[in-house]
Amino acid sequence: MSEPSVPPPPAAAANNNKTLMLVLSYLGLLALVPLLTEKDDKEVQWHAKHGLVQFFAWIIIFVLFTILSFIPGVGCVTSIISLFLWIPMLIVTILSIMKAVNGQRFIIPGLSDFADKF
């Protein structure tokens, strides 16, 4: 007697995996997970590349503000501004995730153009 074959997972499981990959695309270096594992899904690849570009853009901005904070006179202002830089970063990240999960793309002029080159 043979065992009954196991049915394939429902389509919802594949959809949940894609949603997870889209969310990971905008969580810093975790964007490497969908970038390296979902090579056949162009949409996930697009979001993973854009998520990495956003992540590195934020790093560059924070480094720039840190360097500027050591300049006398300017440093005080840039130090205060850098304390609040995480707020727009958080907003852009949340908007990017929400749009990705809803099947849309959050285009950031300049950054999106740069990410499309990869």
C-alpha atoms as a PDB file:
ATOM      1  CA  MET A   1       0.000   0.000   0.000  1.00  0.00           C
ATOM      2  CA  SER A   2       1.422   3.379  -0.927  1.00  0.00           C
ATOM      3  CA  GLU A   3       1.127   6.471   1.169  1.00  0.00           C
ATOM      4  CA  PRO A   4      -1.105   9.228  -0.150  1.00  0.00           C
ATOM      5  CA  SER A   5       0.815  12.015  -1.778  1.00  0.00           C
ATOM      6  CA  VAL A   6       1.209  15.200   0.145  1.00  0.00           C
ATOM      7  CA  PRO A   7      -0.705  18.051  -1.494  1.00  0.00           C
ATOM      8  CA  PRO A   8       1.282  21.151  -2.455  1.00  0.00           C
ATOM      9  CA  PRO A   9       1.159  24.065  -0.039  1.00  0.00           C
ATOM     10  CA  PRO A  10      -1.693  26.469  -0.629  1.00  0.00           C
ATOM     11  CA  ALA A  11      -1.116  29.589  -2.668  1.00  0.00           C
ATOM     12  CA  ALA A  12      -1.452  31.681   0.480  1.00  0.00           C
ATOM     13  CA  ALA A  13       1.819  30.213   1.806  1.00  0.00           C
ATOM     14  CA  ALA A  14       3.671  31.419  -1.288  1.00  0.00           C
ATOM     15  CA  ASN A  15       2.026  34.834  -0.901  1.00  0.00           C
ATOM     16  CA  ASN A  16       3.117  34.999   2.767  1.00  0.00           C
ATOM     17  CA  ASN A  17       6.687  34.214   1.731  1.00  0.00           C
ATOM     18  CA  LYS A  18       6.626  37.019  -0.842  1.00  0.00           C
ATOM     19  CA  THR A  19       5.219  39.431   1.743  1.00  0.00           C
ATOM     20  CA  LEU A  20       7.986  38.461   4.162  1.00  0.00           C
ATOM     21  CA  MET A  21      10.608  38.993   1.475  1.00  0.00           C
ATOM     22  CA  LEU A  22       9.155  42.419   0.617  1.00  0.00           C
ATOM     23  CA  VAL A  23       9.269  43.478   4.261  1.00  0.00           C
ATOM     24  CA  LEU A  24      12.841  42.193   4.665  1.00  0.00           C
ATOM     25  CA  SER A  25      13.808  44.236   1.600  1.00  0.00           C
ATOM     26  CA  TYR A  26      13.573  47.450   3.595  1.00  0.00           C
ATOM     27  CA  LEU A  27      15.128  46.316   6.880  1.00  0.00           C
ATOM     28  CA  GLY A  28      18.757  47.278   6.334  1.00  0.00           C
ATOM     29  CA  LEU A  29      21.175  44.473   5.601  1.00  0.00           C
ATOM     30  CA  LEU A  30      18.315  41.962   5.844  1.00  0.00           C
ATOM     31  CA  ALA A  31      17.568  43.023   2.250  1.00  0.00           C
ATOM     32  CA  LEU A  32      20.348  40.633   1.268  1.00  0.00           C
ATOM     33  CA  VAL A  33      18.072  37.692   2.165  1.00  0.00           C
ATOM     34  CA  PRO A  34      15.461  38.359  -0.555  1.00  0.00           C
ATOM     35  CA  LEU A  35      18.133  39.629  -2.934  1.00  0.00           C
ATOM     36  CA  LEU A  36      20.023  36.335  -2.749  1.00  0.00           C
ATOM     37  CA  THR A  37      17.114  33.888  -2.325  1.00  0.00           C
ATOM     38  CA  GLU A  38      14.396  35.241  -4.627  1.00  0.00           C
ATOM     39  CA  LYS A  39      16.392  35.623  -7.837  1.00  0.00           C
ATOM     40  CA  ASP A  40      13.429  34.684 -10.060  1.00  0.00           C
ATOM     41  CA  ASP A  41      10.994  37.240  -8.631  1.00  0.00           C
ATOM     42  CA  LYS A  42      11.657  40.572 -10.365  1.00  0.00           C
ATOM     43  CA  GLU A  43       9.394  42.503  -7.985  1.00  0.00           C
ATOM     44  CA  VAL A  44      11.174  41.238  -4.864  1.00  0.00           C
ATOM     45  CA  GLN A  45      14.537  41.911  -6.520  1.00  0.00           C
ATOM     46  CA  TRP A  46      13.482  45.502  -7.295  1.00  0.00           C
ATOM     47  CA  HIS A  47      12.446  46.148  -3.695  1.00  0.00           C
ATOM     48  CA  ALA A  48      15.546  44.447  -2.247  1.00  0.00           C
ATOM     49  CA  LYS A  49      17.860  46.593  -4.397  1.00  0.00           C
ATOM     50  CA  HIS A  50      15.994  49.753  -3.482  1.00  0.00           C
ATOM     51  CA  GLY A  51      16.004  48.797   0.191  1.00  0.00           C
ATOM     52  CA  LEU A  52      19.776  48.354   0.140  1.00  0.00           C
ATOM     53  CA  VAL A  53      20.283  51.675  -1.631  1.00  0.00           C
ATOM     54  CA  GLN A  54      18.059  53.402   0.958  1.00  0.00           C
ATOM     55  CA  PHE A  55      20.008  51.753   3.781  1.00  0.00           C
ATOM     56  CA  PHE A  56      23.380  52.871   2.440  1.00  0.00           C
ATOM     57  CA  ALA A  57      22.039  56.362   1.705  1.00  0.00           C
ATOM     58  CA  TRP A  58      21.015  56.687   5.368  1.00  0.00           C
ATOM     59  CA  ILE A  59      24.437  55.494   6.478  1.00  0.00           C
ATOM     60  CA  ILE A  60      26.121  58.103   4.255  1.00  0.00           C
ATOM     61  CA  ILE A  61      23.839  60.836   5.615  1.00  0.00           C
ATOM     62  CA  PHE A  62      24.523  59.855   9.237  1.00  0.00           C
ATOM     63  CA  VAL A  63      28.289  59.731   8.615  1.00  0.00           C
ATOM     64  CA  LEU A  64      28.161  63.133   6.916  1.00  0.00           C
ATOM     65  CA  PHE A  65      26.245  64.671   9.824  1.00  0.00           C
ATOM     66  CA  THR A  66      28.660  63.077  12.290  1.00  0.00           C
ATOM     67  CA  ILE A  67      31.632  64.610  10.483  1.00  0.00           C
ATOM     68  CA  LEU A  68      29.889  68.006  10.313  1.00  0.00           C
ATOM     69  CA  SER A  69      29.168  67.863  14.040  1.00  0.00           C
ATOM     70  CA  PHE A  70      32.908  68.203  14.736  1.00  0.00           C
ATOM     71  CA  ILE A  71      33.123  71.586  12.960  1.00  0.00           C
ATOM     72  CA  PRO A  72      32.995  74.456  15.468  1.00  0.00           C
ATOM     73  CA  GLY A  73      29.875  76.588  15.119  1.00  0.00           C
ATOM     74  CA  VAL A  74      28.201  74.286  12.605  1.00  0.00           C
ATOM     75  CA  GLY A  75      28.610  71.251  14.828  1.00  0.00           C
ATOM     76  CA  CYS A  76      26.002  72.288  17.364  1.00  0.00           C
ATOM     77  CA  VAL A  77      23.286  72.664  14.733  1.00  0.00           C
ATOM     78  CA  THR A  78      24.186  69.455  12.873  1.00  0.00           C
ATOM     79  CA  SER A  79      24.317  67.512  16.145  1.00  0.00           C
ATOM     80  CA  ILE A  80      20.784  68.591  16.988  1.00  0.00           C
ATOM     81  CA  ILE A  81      19.542  67.831  13.469  1.00  0.00           C
ATOM     82  CA  SER A  82      21.205  64.402  13.490  1.00  0.00           C
ATOM     83  CA  LEU A  83      19.272  63.487  16.634  1.00  0.00           C
ATOM     84  CA  PHE A  84      16.051  63.725  14.634  1.00  0.00           C
ATOM     85  CA  LEU A  85      17.240  62.102  11.397  1.00  0.00           C
ATOM     86  CA  TRP A  86      15.829  58.757  12.431  1.00  0.00           C
ATOM     87  CA  ILE A  87      12.270  60.137  12.127  1.00  0.00           C
ATOM     88  CA  PRO A  88      12.305  60.649   8.317  1.00  0.00           C
ATOM     89  CA  MET A  89      14.252  57.410   7.973  1.00  0.00           C
ATOM     90  CA  LEU A  90      11.525  55.552   9.852  1.00  0.00           C
ATOM     91  CA  ILE A  91       8.759  57.234   7.822  1.00  0.00           C
ATOM     92  CA  VAL A  92      10.417  56.405   4.481  1.00  0.00           C
ATOM     93  CA  THR A  93      11.007  52.810   5.583  1.00  0.00           C
ATOM     94  CA  ILE A  94       7.397  52.337   6.696  1.00  0.00           C
ATOM     95  CA  LEU A  95       6.042  53.922   3.498  1.00  0.00           C
ATOM     96  CA  SER A  96       8.322  51.716   1.398  1.00  0.00           C
ATOM     97  CA  ILE A  97       7.166  48.562   3.192  1.00  0.00           C
ATOM     98  CA  MET A  98       3.488  49.524   2.970  1.00  0.00           C
ATOM     99  CA  LYS A  99       3.709  50.260  -0.745  1.00  0.00           C
ATOM    100  CA  ALA A 100       5.683  47.063  -1.425  1.00  0.00           C
ATOM    101  CA  VAL A 101       3.179  44.868   0.405  1.00  0.00           C
ATOM    102  CA  ASN A 102       0.340  46.534  -1.556  1.00  0.00           C
ATOM    103  CA  GLY A 103       2.055  45.838  -4.883  1.00  0.00           C
ATOM    104  CA  GLN A 104       3.238  49.401  -5.446  1.00  0.00           C
ATOM    105  CA  ARG A 105       6.634  51.072  -5.591  1.00  0.00           C
ATOM    106  CA  PHE A 106       7.813  54.016  -3.497  1.00  0.00           C
ATOM    107  CA  ILE A 107       9.966  56.069  -5.852  1.00  0.00           C
ATOM    108  CA  ILE A 108      12.583  58.371  -4.334  1.00  0.00           C
ATOM    109  CA  PRO A 109      14.044  60.703  -6.980  1.00  0.00           C
ATOM    110  CA  GLY A 110      17.749  60.094  -7.412  1.00  0.00           C
ATOM    111  CA  LEU A 111      17.919  57.037  -5.155  1.00  0.00           C
ATOM    112  CA  SER A 112      15.505  54.989  -7.243  1.00  0.00           C
ATOM    113  CA  ASP A 113      17.345  55.941 -10.421  1.00  0.00           C
ATOM    114  CA  PHE A 114      20.614  54.840  -8.843  1.00  0.00           C
ATOM    115  CA  ALA A 115      19.137  51.532  -7.617  1.00  0.00           C
ATOM    116  CA  ASP A 116      17.720  50.776 -11.070  1.00  0.00           C
ATOM    117  CA  LYS A 117      21.272  50.665 -12.455  1.00  0.00           C
ATOM    118  CA  PHE A 118      21.984  47.411 -10.603  1.00  0.00           C
END
